[in-house]
C-alpha atoms as a PDB file:
ATOM      1  CA  UNK A   1       0.326  -0.115   0.024  1.00  0.00           C
ATOM      2  CA  UNK A   2       2.852   2.764   0.710  1.00  0.00           C
ATOM      3  CA  UNK A   3       4.674   1.771  -2.338  1.00  0.00           C
ATOM      4  CA  UNK A   4       1.126   2.068  -4.112  1.00  0.00           C
ATOM      5  CA  UNK A   5       0.286   5.741  -2.583  1.00  0.00           C
ATOM      6  CA  UNK A   6       4.450   6.584  -3.430  1.00  0.00           C
ATOM      7  CA  UNK A   7       4.065   5.811  -6.851  1.00  0.00           C
ATOM      8  CA  UNK A   8       0.740   7.972  -7.193  1.00  0.00           C
ATOM      9  CA  UNK A   9       2.558  10.939  -5.205  1.00  0.00           C
ATOM     10  CA  UNK A  10       5.159  10.797  -8.154  1.00  0.00           C
ATOM     11  CA  UNK A  11       3.262   9.981 -10.578  1.00  0.00           C
ATOM     12  CA  UNK A  12       1.203  13.369  -9.712  1.00  0.00           C
ATOM     13  CA  UNK A  13       4.229  15.201 -10.077  1.00  0.00           C
ATOM     14  CA  UNK A  14       4.900  14.294 -13.751  1.00  0.00           C
ATOM     15  CA  UNK A  15       1.241  15.340 -14.280  1.00  0.00           C
ATOM     16  CA  UNK A  16       1.997  18.794 -12.502  1.00  0.00           C
ATOM     17  CA  UNK A  17       5.206  19.203 -14.878  1.00  0.00           C
ATOM     18  CA  UNK A  18       2.972  18.591 -17.317  1.00  0.00           C
ATOM     19  CA  UNK A  19       0.368  21.041 -16.858  1.00  0.00           C
ATOM     20  CA  UNK A  20       3.292  23.425 -16.541  1.00  0.00           C
ATOM     21  CA  UNK A  21       4.501  22.704 -20.168  1.00  0.00           C
ATOM     22  CA  UNK A  22       0.900  23.298 -21.844  1.00  0.00           C
ATOM     23  CA  UNK A  23       0.942  26.649 -19.274  1.00  0.00           C
ATOM     24  CA  UNK A  24       4.352  27.597 -20.709  1.00  0.00           C
ATOM     25  CA  UNK A  25       3.406  26.984 -24.235  1.00  0.00           C
ATOM     26  CA  UNK A  26       0.283  28.920 -23.807  1.00  0.00           C
ATOM     27  CA  UNK A  27       2.485  31.654 -22.611  1.00  0.00           C
ATOM     28  CA  UNK A  28       4.881  31.848 -25.525  1.00  0.00           C
ATOM     29  CA  UNK A  29       2.394  31.136 -27.928  1.00  0.00           C
ATOM     30  CA  UNK A  30       0.500  34.720 -26.398  1.00  0.00           C
ATOM     31  CA  UNK A  31       3.977  36.242 -26.763  1.00  0.00           C
ATOM     32  CA  UNK A  32       4.309  35.045 -30.682  1.00  0.00           C
ATOM     33  CA  UNK A  33       0.766  36.216 -31.212  1.00  0.00           C
ATOM     34  CA  UNK A  34       1.033  39.938 -29.459  1.00  0.00           C
ATOM     35  CA  UNK A  35      -0.700  41.494 -32.249  1.00  0.00           C
ATOM     36  CA  UNK A  36      -3.942  40.581 -30.883  1.00  0.00           C
ATOM     37  CA  UNK A  37      -5.071  38.262 -27.256  1.00  0.00           C
ATOM     38  CA  UNK A  38      -6.109  35.255 -27.949  1.00  0.00           C
ATOM     39  CA  UNK A  39      -7.821  34.681 -24.724  1.00  0.00           C
ATOM     40  CA  UNK A  40     -10.193  37.075 -25.547  1.00  0.00           C
ATOM     41  CA  UNK A  41     -10.459  35.873 -29.151  1.00  0.00           C
ATOM     42  CA  UNK A  42     -11.544  32.437 -27.328  1.00  0.00           C
ATOM     43  CA  UNK A  43     -13.599  34.063 -25.207  1.00  0.00           C
ATOM     44  CA  UNK A  44     -15.345  35.716 -28.480  1.00  0.00           C
ATOM     45  CA  UNK A  45     -16.431  32.983 -29.952  1.00  0.00           C
ATOM     46  CA  UNK A  46     -13.758  32.840 -32.263  1.00  0.00           C
ATOM     47  CA  UNK A  47     -13.413  29.084 -33.478  1.00  0.00           C
ATOM     48  CA  UNK A  48     -10.307  29.344 -35.382  1.00  0.00           C
ATOM     49  CA  UNK A  49      -7.998  30.493 -32.761  1.00  0.00           C
ATOM     50  CA  UNK A  50      -9.819  28.034 -30.579  1.00  0.00           C
ATOM     51  CA  UNK A  51      -9.153  25.081 -32.542  1.00  0.00           C
ATOM     52  CA  UNK A  52      -5.517  26.386 -33.097  1.00  0.00           C
ATOM     53  CA  UNK A  53      -4.856  26.515 -29.125  1.00  0.00           C
ATOM     54  CA  UNK A  54      -6.805  23.173 -28.552  1.00  0.00           C
ATOM     55  CA  UNK A  55      -4.193  21.616 -31.305  1.00  0.00           C
ATOM     56  CA  UNK A  56      -0.844  23.587 -29.898  1.00  0.00           C
ATOM     57  CA  UNK A  57      -2.024  21.982 -26.168  1.00  0.00           C
ATOM     58  CA  UNK A  58      -2.735  18.250 -27.209  1.00  0.00           C
ATOM     59  CA  UNK A  59       0.103  18.579 -29.529  1.00  0.00           C
ATOM     60  CA  UNK A  60       2.493  19.188 -26.657  1.00  0.00           C
ATOM     61  CA  UNK A  61       0.643  16.361 -24.113  1.00  0.00           C
ATOM     62  CA  UNK A  62       1.468  13.736 -27.063  1.00  0.00           C
ATOM     63  CA  UNK A  63       4.814  14.612 -26.927  1.00  0.00           C
ATOM     64  CA  UNK A  64       5.413  14.558 -22.950  1.00  0.00           C
ATOM     65  CA  UNK A  65       3.475  11.258 -23.296  1.00  0.00           C
ATOM     66  CA  UNK A  66       6.715  10.053 -25.294  1.00  0.00           C
ATOM     67  CA  UNK A  67       9.225  11.775 -22.896  1.00  0.00           C
ATOM     68  CA  UNK A  68       7.785   9.609 -20.132  1.00  0.00           C
ATOM     69  CA  UNK A  69       8.422   6.692 -21.516  1.00  0.00           C
ATOM     70  CA  UNK A  70      11.606   4.135 -21.128  1.00  0.00           C
ATOM     71  CA  UNK A  71      13.166   2.458 -18.512  1.00  0.00           C
ATOM     72  CA  UNK A  72      13.587   4.377 -15.408  1.00  0.00           C
ATOM     73  CA  UNK A  73      16.729   5.490 -13.893  1.00  0.00           C
ATOM     74  CA  UNK A  74      15.242   7.189 -10.185  1.00  0.00           C
ATOM     75  CA  UNK A  75      12.314   9.047  -9.276  1.00  0.00           C
ATOM     76  CA  UNK A  76      14.468  12.591  -9.243  1.00  0.00           C
ATOM     77  CA  UNK A  77      16.878  11.544 -12.238  1.00  0.00           C
ATOM     78  CA  UNK A  78      13.401  11.022 -14.716  1.00  0.00           C
ATOM     79  CA  UNK A  79      12.077  14.667 -13.238  1.00  0.00           C
ATOM     80  CA  UNK A  80      15.059  16.087 -14.040  1.00  0.00           C
ATOM     81  CA  UNK A  81      15.129  14.467 -17.464  1.00  0.00           C
ATOM     82  CA  UNK A  82      11.403  15.306 -18.377  1.00  0.00           C
ATOM     83  CA  UNK A  83      12.326  19.136 -17.444  1.00  0.00           C
ATOM     84  CA  UNK A  84      14.890  18.749 -19.753  1.00  0.00           C
ATOM     85  CA  UNK A  85      12.940  16.928 -22.875  1.00  0.00           C
ATOM     86  CA  UNK A  86      10.170  18.906 -21.494  1.00  0.00           C
ATOM     87  CA  UNK A  87      11.679  22.512 -22.849  1.00  0.00           C
ATOM     88  CA  UNK A  88      13.495  20.584 -25.741  1.00  0.00           C
ATOM     89  CA  UNK A  89       9.810  19.555 -27.247  1.00  0.00           C
ATOM     90  CA  UNK A  90       8.544  23.204 -26.987  1.00  0.00           C
ATOM     91  CA  UNK A  91      11.409  24.605 -28.900  1.00  0.00           C
ATOM     92  CA  UNK A  92      10.714  21.746 -31.175  1.00  0.00           C
ATOM     93  CA  UNK A  93       6.620  22.267 -31.094  1.00  0.00           C
ATOM     94  CA  UNK A  94       7.263  26.440 -31.964  1.00  0.00           C
ATOM     95  CA  UNK A  95      10.286  25.663 -34.561  1.00  0.00           C
ATOM     96  CA  UNK A  96       7.563  23.240 -36.413  1.00  0.00           C
ATOM     97  CA  UNK A  97       4.575  25.165 -36.352  1.00  0.00           C
ATOM     98  CA  UNK A  98       6.873  28.269 -38.321  1.00  0.00           C
ATOM     99  CA  UNK A  99       8.060  25.553 -41.185  1.00  0.00           C
ATOM    100  CA  UNK A 100       4.463  23.818 -41.226  1.00  0.00           C
ATOM    101  CA  UNK A 101       2.885  27.398 -41.516  1.00  0.00           C
ATOM    102  CA  UNK A 102       4.902  29.095 -43.909  1.00  0.00           C
ATOM    103  CA  UNK A 103       5.049  25.683 -46.295  1.00  0.00           C
ATOM    104  CA  UNK A 104       2.123  23.499 -46.077  1.00  0.00           C
ATOM    105  CA  UNK A 105      -0.407  26.143 -46.521  1.00  0.00           C
ATOM    106  CA  UNK A 106       2.206  28.398 -48.743  1.00  0.00           C
ATOM    107  CA  UNK A 107       1.126  31.699 -49.207  1.00  0.00           C
ATOM    108  CA  UNK A 108      -1.978  31.587 -46.547  1.00  0.00           C
ATOM    109  CA  UNK A 109      -0.475  33.712 -43.401  1.00  0.00           C
ATOM    110  CA  UNK A 110      -2.174  31.404 -40.513  1.00  0.00           C
ATOM    111  CA  UNK A 111      -2.075  34.026 -37.818  1.00  0.00           C
ATOM    112  CA  UNK A 112      -3.961  36.906 -40.075  1.00  0.00           C
ATOM    113  CA  UNK A 113      -6.743  34.298 -41.005  1.00  0.00           C
ATOM    114  CA  UNK A 114      -7.172  33.288 -37.743  1.00  0.00           C
ATOM    115  CA  UNK A 115      -8.642  36.763 -36.447  1.00  0.00           C
ATOM    116  CA  UNK A 116      -9.918  38.391 -39.755  1.00  0.00           C
ATOM    117  CA  UNK A 117     -13.351  39.200 -40.679  1.00  0.00           C
ATOM    118  CA  UNK A 118     -15.005  36.732 -42.984  1.00  0.00           C
ATOM    119  CA  UNK A 119     -18.754  37.311 -44.830  1.00  0.00           C
ATOM    120  CA  UNK A 120     -20.539  34.132 -45.390  1.00  0.00           C
ATOM    121  CA  UNK A 121     -22.586  33.167 -48.177  1.00  0.00           C
ATOM    122  CA  UNK A 122     -25.617  34.444 -46.400  1.00  0.00           C
ATOM    123  CA  UNK A 123     -24.235  37.374 -45.367  1.00  0.00           C
ATOM    124  CA  UNK A 124     -23.588  37.043 -42.017  1.00  0.00           C
ATOM    125  CA  UNK A 125     -19.791  38.536 -40.434  1.00  0.00           C
ATOM    126  CA  UNK A 126     -17.891  35.934 -38.600  1.00  0.00           C
ATOM    127  CA  UNK A 127     -13.928  35.973 -37.073  1.00  0.00           C
ATOM    128  CA  UNK A 128     -11.499  33.557 -37.934  1.00  0.00           C
ATOM    129  CA  UNK A 129     -11.191  31.354 -40.756  1.00  0.00           C
ATOM    130  CA  UNK A 130     -11.684  28.282 -38.819  1.00  0.00           C
ATOM    131  CA  UNK A 131     -10.092  26.057 -41.310  1.00  0.00           C
ATOM    132  CA  UNK A 132      -6.818  27.312 -41.497  1.00  0.00           C
ATOM    133  CA  UNK A 133      -7.433  26.871 -37.649  1.00  0.00           C
ATOM    134  CA  UNK A 134      -8.160  23.318 -38.300  1.00  0.00           C
ATOM    135  CA  UNK A 135      -5.391  22.476 -40.659  1.00  0.00           C
ATOM    136  CA  UNK A 136      -2.863  24.127 -38.084  1.00  0.00           C
ATOM    137  CA  UNK A 137      -4.384  22.211 -35.126  1.00  0.00           C
ATOM    138  CA  UNK A 138      -3.869  18.716 -37.203  1.00  0.00           C
ATOM    139  CA  UNK A 139      -0.451  19.757 -37.461  1.00  0.00           C
ATOM    140  CA  UNK A 140       0.124  20.526 -34.268  1.00  0.00           C
ATOM    141  CA  UNK A 141      -0.975  17.267 -32.917  1.00  0.00           C
ATOM    142  CA  UNK A 142       0.719  15.452 -35.827  1.00  0.00           C
ATOM    143  CA  UNK A 143       4.229  16.816 -34.632  1.00  0.00           C
ATOM    144  CA  UNK A 144       3.155  15.487 -30.976  1.00  0.00           C
ATOM    145  CA  UNK A 145       3.452  12.137 -32.225  1.00  0.00           C
ATOM    146  CA  UNK A 146       6.398  12.426 -34.556  1.00  0.00           C
ATOM    147  CA  UNK A 147       8.080  14.079 -31.374  1.00  0.00           C
ATOM    148  CA  UNK A 148       6.642  11.485 -29.391  1.00  0.00           C
ATOM    149  CA  UNK A 149       8.184   8.724 -31.358  1.00  0.00           C
ATOM    150  CA  UNK A 150      11.699  10.564 -31.413  1.00  0.00           C
ATOM    151  CA  UNK A 151      12.166  10.983 -27.910  1.00  0.00           C
ATOM    152  CA  UNK A 152      10.677   8.148 -26.767  1.00  0.00           C
ATOM    153  CA  UNK A 153      12.942   4.667 -26.460  1.00  0.00           C
ATOM    154  CA  UNK A 154      16.347   3.742 -24.985  1.00  0.00           C
ATOM    155  CA  UNK A 155      19.833   3.066 -25.818  1.00  0.00           C
ATOM    156  CA  UNK A 156      22.962   4.716 -26.962  1.00  0.00           C
ATOM    157  CA  UNK A 157      24.641   7.606 -25.251  1.00  0.00           C
ATOM    158  CA  UNK A 158      22.977  10.732 -23.654  1.00  0.00           C
ATOM    159  CA  UNK A 159      24.609  12.713 -26.674  1.00  0.00           C
ATOM    160  CA  UNK A 160      23.302   9.788 -29.298  1.00  0.00           C
ATOM    161  CA  UNK A 161      20.016  10.272 -27.791  1.00  0.00           C
ATOM    162  CA  UNK A 162      19.898  13.760 -28.192  1.00  0.00           C
ATOM    163  CA  UNK A 163      21.179  13.423 -32.044  1.00  0.00           C
ATOM    164  CA  UNK A 164      18.412  10.900 -32.495  1.00  0.00           C
ATOM    165  CA  UNK A 165      15.962  13.079 -31.432  1.00  0.00           C
ATOM    166  CA  UNK A 166      16.892  15.865 -33.499  1.00  0.00           C
ATOM    167  CA  UNK A 167      17.626  13.698 -36.830  1.00  0.00           C
ATOM    168  CA  UNK A 168      14.715  11.777 -36.778  1.00  0.00           C
ATOM    169  CA  UNK A 169      12.321  14.839 -35.847  1.00  0.00           C
ATOM    170  CA  UNK A 170      13.377  16.788 -38.476  1.00  0.00           C
ATOM    171  CA  UNK A 171      13.069  13.765 -40.892  1.00  0.00           C
ATOM    172  CA  UNK A 172       9.351  13.299 -39.233  1.00  0.00           C
ATOM    173  CA  UNK A 173       8.905  16.781 -40.279  1.00  0.00           C
ATOM    174  CA  UNK A 174      10.065  16.421 -44.027  1.00  0.00           C
ATOM    175  CA  UNK A 175       8.116  13.348 -44.146  1.00  0.00           C
ATOM    176  CA  UNK A 176       4.700  14.742 -43.001  1.00  0.00           C
ATOM    177  CA  UNK A 177       5.149  17.910 -45.228  1.00  0.00           C
ATOM    178  CA  UNK A 178       6.027  15.668 -48.037  1.00  0.00           C
ATOM    179  CA  UNK A 179       2.661  13.895 -47.087  1.00  0.00           C
ATOM    180  CA  UNK A 180       0.407  16.857 -47.504  1.00  0.00           C
ATOM    181  CA  UNK A 181       1.903  17.879 -50.387  1.00  0.00           C
ATOM    182  CA  UNK A 182       0.543  13.893 -52.062  1.00  0.00           C
ATOM    183  CA  UNK A 183      -2.402  14.693 -50.266  1.00  0.00           C
ATOM    184  CA  UNK A 184      -3.051  18.248 -52.085  1.00  0.00           C
ATOM    185  CA  UNK A 185      -1.507  16.411 -55.344  1.00  0.00           C
ATOM    186  CA  UNK A 186      -4.369  13.403 -55.386  1.00  0.00           C
ATOM    187  CA  UNK A 187      -7.525  15.604 -54.360  1.00  0.00           C
ATOM    188  CA  UNK A 188      -8.851  16.778 -56.916  1.00  0.00           C
ATOM    189  CA  UNK A 189      -9.402  20.494 -55.967  1.00  0.00           C
ATOM    190  CA  UNK A 190      -7.615  22.871 -55.318  1.00  0.00           C
ATOM    191  CA  UNK A 191      -7.234  22.277 -51.134  1.00  0.00           C
ATOM    192  CA  UNK A 192      -5.815  25.406 -50.296  1.00  0.00           C
ATOM    193  CA  UNK A 193      -8.080  27.393 -52.439  1.00  0.00           C
ATOM    194  CA  UNK A 194     -10.923  25.715 -50.294  1.00  0.00           C
ATOM    195  CA  UNK A 195      -8.635  26.143 -46.967  1.00  0.00           C
ATOM    196  CA  UNK A 196      -8.552  30.074 -47.716  1.00  0.00           C
ATOM    197  CA  UNK A 197     -12.147  30.551 -48.409  1.00  0.00           C
ATOM    198  CA  UNK A 198     -12.779  29.428 -44.969  1.00  0.00           C
ATOM    199  CA  UNK A 199     -14.208  25.753 -46.131  1.00  0.00           C
ATOM    200  CA  UNK A 200     -14.055  24.085 -42.543  1.00  0.00           C
ATOM    201  CA  UNK A 201     -15.023  20.668 -44.306  1.00  0.00           C
ATOM    202  CA  UNK A 202     -11.617  21.265 -46.098  1.00  0.00           C
ATOM    203  CA  UNK A 203      -9.657  21.967 -43.368  1.00  0.00           C
ATOM    204  CA  UNK A 204     -11.063  19.095 -41.276  1.00  0.00           C
ATOM    205  CA  UNK A 205      -9.727  16.563 -44.223  1.00  0.00           C
ATOM    206  CA  UNK A 206      -5.791  18.124 -44.401  1.00  0.00           C
ATOM    207  CA  UNK A 207      -6.132  18.841 -40.737  1.00  0.00           C
ATOM    208  CA  UNK A 208      -7.494  14.862 -40.002  1.00  0.00           C
ATOM    209  CA  UNK A 209      -5.155  13.571 -42.592  1.00  0.00           C
ATOM    210  CA  UNK A 210      -2.080  14.743 -41.098  1.00  0.00           C
ATOM    211  CA  UNK A 211      -2.944  14.051 -37.775  1.00  0.00           C
ATOM    212  CA  UNK A 212      -3.557  10.294 -39.156  1.00  0.00           C
ATOM    213  CA  UNK A 213      -0.033  10.357 -40.562  1.00  0.00           C
ATOM    214  CA  UNK A 214       1.513  11.553 -37.516  1.00  0.00           C
ATOM    215  CA  UNK A 215       0.178   8.445 -35.333  1.00  0.00           C
ATOM    216  CA  UNK A 216       2.283   6.024 -38.601  1.00  0.00           C
ATOM    217  CA  UNK A 217       5.192   8.304 -38.086  1.00  0.00           C
ATOM    218  CA  UNK A 218       5.334   7.663 -34.761  1.00  0.00           C
ATOM    219  CA  UNK A 219       5.465   3.994 -34.461  1.00  0.00           C
ATOM    220  CA  UNK A 220       8.266   4.306 -37.637  1.00  0.00           C
ATOM    221  CA  UNK A 221       9.694   6.287 -34.821  1.00  0.00           C
ATOM    222  CA  UNK A 222       9.591   4.546 -31.646  1.00  0.00           C
ATOM    223  CA  UNK A 223      11.942   2.014 -30.467  1.00  0.00           C
ATOM    224  CA  UNK A 224      15.354   1.457 -29.199  1.00  0.00           C
ATOM    225  CA  UNK A 225      18.349   3.544 -30.560  1.00  0.00           C
ATOM    226  CA  UNK A 226      20.095   0.633 -32.529  1.00  0.00           C
ATOM    227  CA  UNK A 227      22.684   2.446 -34.813  1.00  0.00           C
ATOM    228  CA  UNK A 228      21.778   5.501 -37.110  1.00  0.00           C
ATOM    229  CA  UNK A 229      21.964   3.356 -40.877  1.00  0.00           C
ATOM    230  CA  UNK A 230      19.117   1.066 -39.617  1.00  0.00           C
ATOM    231  CA  UNK A 231      17.119   3.111 -37.607  1.00  0.00           C
ATOM    232  CA  UNK A 232      16.783   5.973 -40.735  1.00  0.00           C
ATOM    233  CA  UNK A 233      16.369   3.301 -43.369  1.00  0.00           C
ATOM    234  CA  UNK A 234      13.691   1.740 -41.248  1.00  0.00           C
ATOM    235  CA  UNK A 235      12.105   5.217 -40.618  1.00  0.00           C
ATOM    236  CA  UNK A 236      12.293   5.394 -44.395  1.00  0.00           C
ATOM    237  CA  UNK A 237      10.379   1.665 -45.324  1.00  0.00           C
ATOM    238  CA  UNK A 238       7.789   2.256 -42.582  1.00  0.00           C
ATOM    239  CA  UNK A 239       7.091   5.648 -43.397  1.00  0.00           C
ATOM    240  CA  UNK A 240       6.607   5.000 -47.195  1.00  0.00           C
ATOM    241  CA  UNK A 241       4.590   2.107 -46.589  1.00  0.00           C
ATOM    242  CA  UNK A 242       2.496   4.382 -43.948  1.00  0.00           C
ATOM    243  CA  UNK A 243       1.911   6.690 -46.716  1.00  0.00           C
ATOM    244  CA  UNK A 244       1.006   4.420 -49.411  1.00  0.00           C
ATOM    245  CA  UNK A 245      -1.717   3.022 -47.105  1.00  0.00           C
ATOM    246  CA  UNK A 246      -3.137   5.762 -46.138  1.00  0.00           C
ATOM    247  CA  UNK A 247      -3.842   7.449 -49.526  1.00  0.00           C
ATOM    248  CA  UNK A 248      -5.244   4.150 -50.206  1.00  0.00           C
ATOM    249  CA  UNK A 249      -7.197   3.322 -47.202  1.00  0.00           C
ATOM    250  CA  UNK A 250      -8.672   7.042 -47.705  1.00  0.00           C
ATOM    251  CA  UNK A 251     -10.297   6.243 -51.038  1.00  0.00           C
ATOM    252  CA  UNK A 252     -11.727   2.750 -49.535  1.00  0.00           C
ATOM    253  CA  UNK A 253     -12.675   4.605 -46.088  1.00  0.00           C
ATOM    254  CA  UNK A 254     -14.563   7.323 -48.491  1.00  0.00           C
ATOM    255  CA  UNK A 255     -16.273   4.494 -50.808  1.00  0.00           C
ATOM    256  CA  UNK A 256     -17.529   2.663 -47.945  1.00  0.00           C
ATOM    257  CA  UNK A 257     -18.711   5.241 -45.560  1.00  0.00           C
ATOM    258  CA  UNK A 258     -19.994   7.975 -48.193  1.00  0.00           C
ATOM    259  CA  UNK A 259     -21.612   5.140 -50.779  1.00  0.00           C
ATOM    260  CA  UNK A 260     -23.872   7.575 -52.449  1.00  0.00           C
ATOM    261  CA  UNK A 261     -21.254  10.390 -52.599  1.00  0.00           C
ATOM    262  CA  UNK A 262     -17.691  10.949 -52.427  1.00  0.00           C
ATOM    263  CA  UNK A 263     -15.442  12.994 -50.341  1.00  0.00           C
ATOM    264  CA  UNK A 264     -14.775  15.814 -53.381  1.00  0.00           C
ATOM    265  CA  UNK A 265     -18.421  16.494 -53.413  1.00  0.00           C
ATOM    266  CA  UNK A 266     -18.708  16.874 -50.026  1.00  0.00           C
ATOM    267  CA  UNK A 267     -16.084  19.019 -49.072  1.00  0.00           C
ATOM    268  CA  UNK A 268     -15.718  21.022 -52.539  1.00  0.00           C
ATOM    269  CA  UNK A 269     -19.779  21.652 -53.261  1.00  0.00           C
ATOM    270  CA  UNK A 270     -21.779  20.578 -50.146  1.00  0.00           C
ATOM    271  CA  UNK A 271     -18.952  21.964 -47.305  1.00  0.00           C
ATOM    272  CA  UNK A 272     -20.124  18.827 -45.122  1.00  0.00           C
ATOM    273  CA  UNK A 273     -18.716  19.069 -42.146  1.00  0.00           C
ATOM    274  CA  UNK A 274     -20.144  16.138 -40.175  1.00  0.00           C
ATOM    275  CA  UNK A 275     -19.478  13.784 -43.562  1.00  0.00           C
ATOM    276  CA  UNK A 276     -15.907  15.361 -43.230  1.00  0.00           C
ATOM    277  CA  UNK A 277     -15.653  14.258 -39.567  1.00  0.00           C
ATOM    278  CA  UNK A 278     -16.896  11.259 -39.660  1.00  0.00           C
ATOM    279  CA  UNK A 279     -14.512  10.126 -42.458  1.00  0.00           C
ATOM    280  CA  UNK A 280     -11.395  11.874 -40.358  1.00  0.00           C
ATOM    281  CA  UNK A 281     -12.084   9.956 -37.314  1.00  0.00           C
ATOM    282  CA  UNK A 282     -12.175   6.521 -39.517  1.00  0.00           C
ATOM    283  CA  UNK A 283      -8.847   7.605 -41.011  1.00  0.00           C
ATOM    284  CA  UNK A 284      -7.805   8.057 -37.618  1.00  0.00           C
ATOM    285  CA  UNK A 285      -8.832   4.518 -36.685  1.00  0.00           C
ATOM    286  CA  UNK A 286      -7.654   3.146 -39.901  1.00  0.00           C
ATOM    287  CA  UNK A 287      -3.799   4.462 -38.904  1.00  0.00           C
ATOM    288  CA  UNK A 288      -3.733   3.203 -35.233  1.00  0.00           C
ATOM    289  CA  UNK A 289      -4.434  -0.077 -36.950  1.00  0.00           C
ATOM    290  CA  UNK A 290      -1.640   0.657 -39.567  1.00  0.00           C
ATOM    291  CA  UNK A 291       0.724   1.717 -36.661  1.00  0.00           C
ATOM    292  CA  UNK A 292       0.054  -1.223 -34.009  1.00  0.00           C
ATOM    293  CA  UNK A 293       0.583  -3.475 -37.260  1.00  0.00           C
ATOM    294  CA  UNK A 294       3.969  -2.275 -38.209  1.00  0.00           C
END
């Protein structure tokens, strides 16, 4: 009983530290977007800002779970290591956000889009491009999965562990960008235009697919360090395998779950948010199965 209580107490310390890092990324993001007040935007019902913040918080939590895994070296040593990993993860999250914002969506300024006033087809005025917010949320969660895989596992020296985390984080980000471009190339309409026009269904389609692929990348990155050549080759093979399966099953899932219509019609013509939530949740389920089968 005493050991159980002690373990719960130690677990509580990890939770407190995790909440601290969620608070830290909020403060850093407040500073990064200091030209407008995110808290006021969320209080006023800005869905775009709410989505991007939600994705950031989920992403940091997913990444921290990877840092909490592995072999224990003692409570205080583990707590110190989690603090260091948390700072590294925070830096990676914001560096990836910068890269993804300026590459994944090209000439779209995420910050401006998430607070601009939009006039809907029926004449209503809303604030914030929720489609952009959804894509950014998906990218943040996907990055969290990449960091989870890159920072977890054991093996090698301390320096090799840090270098491995940096290398495979970069490779994971490249793979995420590549998959995003392939998704857009294989979609029969201009995804970026639809997202810029505040088509939330299109944002769910891209953001949800990126999130699903992040799960596969986490699986391809997880595991002990066994050597640079072997780990890099394994990552590349698993990533290509995951890309092919996810793109193939995206078509299959669309036909199975939307038998009387198509994903293209539901996104571009109907802007059907409900249909895309169902499709992307199914794609996430498929990604989980693919990840556990690898």
